[in-house]
Amino acid sequence: MNTTSEQDRDTASPRIRPPLLFLGCLILGLVLDRVLLPPFALPETAWVRWVAGGGLIFLGIAVFAAGLWNFSRAGTPVPGNRPVRALVTTGIHGLSRNPVYVGMFLLYTGIGLAARSSWILMLVLPIAVIMRYAVVAREEAYLERRFGGAYRDYKVRVRRWL
């Protein structure tokens, strides 16, 4: 006898796993740095790159970890291919509906600055478009199906990114 409800099987079904997207673009950016001329120059001063890049890396890890911690505290899984158990709206999720993704963007950008890779930085825009339409849009539709008015109220109160 199967007692699993349809709601317990429904997921956001993202078209791409965000960590794989960021990692793939990071690798692509590094490869493009080696085979093509950079589209723009970044500061050559090492301390400037490391302070700016290191700061973004640190901030990205902190925001990412805070988002994961919130999900863990609520007892809900992080991967979009698993059903959510709770709508998380407090803590860092009270500032951004997608703090884990914001953390990934900050970390990615920090790595690009620290590595002095203009190609990595150029790929931020395509990543943002892919994340918005192939991941976040699907997650938002799923959360609205799952939590209805509570999620719609949350969307009104809290920005998608920052």
Protein backbone atom coordinates (compact mmCIF):
# COMPACT_ATOMS: atom_id res chain seq x y z
CA MET A 1 0.00 0.00 0.00
CA ASN A 2 1.44 3.34 -1.07
CA THR A 3 0.63 6.13 1.41
CA THR A 4 2.82 8.77 -0.24
CA SER A 5 0.70 11.72 -1.33
CA GLU A 6 1.14 13.45 -4.67
CA GLN A 7 2.39 16.51 -2.79
CA ASP A 8 5.16 14.42 -1.23
CA ARG A 9 6.37 13.37 -4.69
CA ASP A 10 6.08 16.77 -6.38
CA THR A 11 9.34 18.71 -6.74
CA ALA A 12 10.60 21.88 -8.42
CA SER A 13 12.34 19.70 -11.04
CA PRO A 14 15.02 22.24 -11.98
CA ARG A 15 16.35 21.93 -15.52
CA ILE A 16 19.93 22.09 -14.23
CA ARG A 17 21.57 21.58 -10.86
CA PRO A 18 22.93 25.00 -9.77
CA PRO A 19 26.23 23.72 -8.32
CA LEU A 20 26.96 22.00 -11.64
CA LEU A 21 26.11 25.17 -13.57
CA PHE A 22 28.46 27.30 -11.46
CA LEU A 23 31.25 24.69 -11.54
CA GLY A 24 30.87 24.19 -15.31
CA CYS A 25 31.07 27.94 -15.96
CA LEU A 26 34.04 28.24 -13.64
CA ILE A 27 35.90 25.57 -15.59
CA LEU A 28 34.80 27.06 -18.93
CA GLY A 29 36.00 30.51 -17.83
CA LEU A 30 39.41 29.16 -16.83
CA VAL A 31 39.74 27.31 -20.14
CA LEU A 32 38.73 30.42 -22.12
CA ASP A 33 41.37 32.40 -20.17
CA ARG A 34 44.01 30.03 -21.52
CA VAL A 35 42.89 29.88 -25.16
CA LEU A 36 41.42 33.36 -25.88
CA LEU A 37 42.43 36.91 -25.16
CA PRO A 38 40.62 38.36 -22.14
CA PRO A 39 37.70 40.61 -23.13
CA PHE A 40 38.78 43.20 -20.52
CA ALA A 41 41.66 43.70 -18.10
CA LEU A 42 41.45 43.25 -14.36
CA PRO A 43 43.77 44.92 -11.84
CA GLU A 44 47.22 43.38 -11.77
CA THR A 45 47.80 44.38 -8.15
CA ALA A 46 47.61 41.12 -6.24
CA TRP A 47 46.42 42.59 -2.94
CA VAL A 48 43.50 44.38 -4.62
CA ARG A 49 42.39 41.16 -6.32
CA TRP A 50 42.77 39.12 -3.17
CA VAL A 51 41.05 41.64 -0.88
CA ALA A 52 38.09 42.08 -3.25
CA GLY A 53 37.96 38.45 -4.35
CA GLY A 54 38.68 37.08 -0.89
CA GLY A 55 36.01 39.30 0.63
CA LEU A 56 33.42 38.09 -1.86
CA ILE A 57 34.50 34.47 -1.36
CA PHE A 58 34.17 34.80 2.42
CA LEU A 59 30.81 36.60 2.15
CA GLY A 60 29.55 34.04 -0.38
CA ILE A 61 30.46 31.12 1.86
CA ALA A 62 28.79 32.82 4.84
CA VAL A 63 25.55 33.57 2.97
CA PHE A 64 25.53 30.08 1.42
CA ALA A 65 26.10 28.42 4.81
CA ALA A 66 23.42 30.55 6.50
CA GLY A 67 20.91 29.47 3.84
CA LEU A 68 21.83 25.79 4.25
CA TRP A 69 21.65 26.10 8.03
CA ASN A 70 18.14 27.60 7.78
CA PHE A 71 16.97 24.70 5.61
CA SER A 72 18.57 22.20 7.96
CA ARG A 73 16.93 23.80 11.00
CA ALA A 74 13.55 23.59 9.27
CA GLY A 75 14.16 19.94 8.39
CA THR A 76 13.71 20.51 4.68
CA PRO A 77 16.04 19.31 1.90
CA VAL A 78 18.11 21.72 -0.16
CA PRO A 79 18.17 20.00 -3.59
CA GLY A 80 15.34 21.14 -5.87
CA ASN A 81 14.78 17.59 -7.03
CA ARG A 82 13.45 16.60 -3.59
CA PRO A 83 10.11 17.63 -2.04
CA VAL A 84 10.23 20.55 0.39
CA ARG A 85 8.85 19.96 3.86
CA ALA A 86 8.62 23.56 5.10
CA LEU A 87 8.51 27.11 3.79
CA VAL A 88 11.57 28.84 5.27
CA THR A 89 11.00 32.58 5.68
CA THR A 90 13.11 33.63 8.67
CA GLY A 91 16.79 34.29 9.26
CA ILE A 92 18.68 34.96 6.04
CA HIS A 93 15.56 33.91 4.13
CA GLY A 94 13.95 37.07 5.51
CA LEU A 95 16.44 39.09 3.43
CA SER A 96 16.52 37.01 0.24
CA ARG A 97 14.29 34.23 -1.09
CA ASN A 98 17.40 32.60 -2.60
CA PRO A 99 20.32 33.09 -0.20
CA VAL A 100 22.00 29.83 -1.24
CA TYR A 101 22.12 31.05 -4.84
CA VAL A 102 23.21 34.54 -3.79
CA GLY A 103 26.04 32.87 -1.89
CA MET A 104 26.98 30.88 -5.00
CA PHE A 105 27.07 34.07 -7.10
CA LEU A 106 29.26 35.87 -4.54
CA LEU A 107 31.64 32.91 -4.26
CA TYR A 108 31.84 32.53 -8.05
CA THR A 109 32.50 36.25 -8.58
CA GLY A 110 35.10 36.27 -5.81
CA ILE A 111 36.93 33.38 -7.45
CA GLY A 112 36.82 35.22 -10.77
CA LEU A 113 38.36 38.33 -9.22
CA ALA A 114 40.98 36.43 -7.22
CA ALA A 115 41.95 34.38 -10.31
CA ARG A 116 41.98 37.58 -12.39
CA SER A 117 39.69 35.90 -14.89
CA SER A 118 37.64 38.24 -17.02
CA TRP A 119 36.06 35.22 -18.74
CA ILE A 120 34.74 33.86 -15.44
CA LEU A 121 33.27 37.29 -14.72
CA MET A 122 31.77 37.52 -18.22
CA LEU A 123 29.89 34.28 -17.59
CA VAL A 124 28.04 35.74 -14.58
CA LEU A 125 25.33 37.19 -16.84
CA PRO A 126 24.54 33.92 -18.66
CA ILE A 127 24.53 32.13 -15.31
CA ALA A 128 22.06 34.69 -13.94
CA VAL A 129 19.72 34.24 -16.90
CA ILE A 130 19.89 30.45 -16.70
CA MET A 131 19.35 30.51 -12.93
CA ARG A 132 16.39 32.87 -13.22
CA TYR A 133 14.52 30.97 -15.92
CA ALA A 134 15.66 27.34 -15.67
CA VAL A 135 15.90 27.06 -11.88
CA VAL A 136 14.28 29.86 -9.87
CA ALA A 137 11.13 30.18 -12.01
CA ARG A 138 10.49 26.45 -11.62
CA GLU A 139 11.15 26.60 -7.88
CA GLU A 140 8.82 29.57 -7.45
CA ALA A 141 6.00 27.83 -9.34
CA TYR A 142 6.54 24.71 -7.24
CA LEU A 143 6.55 26.62 -3.93
CA GLU A 144 3.38 28.44 -4.94
CA ARG A 145 1.69 25.08 -5.69
CA ARG A 146 2.97 23.64 -2.43
CA PHE A 147 2.35 26.55 -0.04
CA GLY A 148 -0.21 28.74 -1.86
CA GLY A 149 -1.00 32.05 -0.16
CA ALA A 150 1.78 31.72 2.41
CA TYR A 151 4.37 31.68 -0.39
CA ARG A 152 2.65 34.50 -2.29
CA ASP A 153 2.75 36.64 0.89
CA TYR A 154 6.44 35.78 1.33
CA LYS A 155 7.16 36.83 -2.28
CA VAL A 156 5.58 40.21 -1.59
CA ARG A 157 7.67 40.74 1.59
CA VAL A 158 11.07 39.43 0.48
CA ARG A 159 13.07 40.10 -2.69
CA ARG A 160 14.13 37.26 -4.96
CA TRP A 161 17.85 38.05 -4.75
CA LEU A 162 18.85 40.98 -2.53
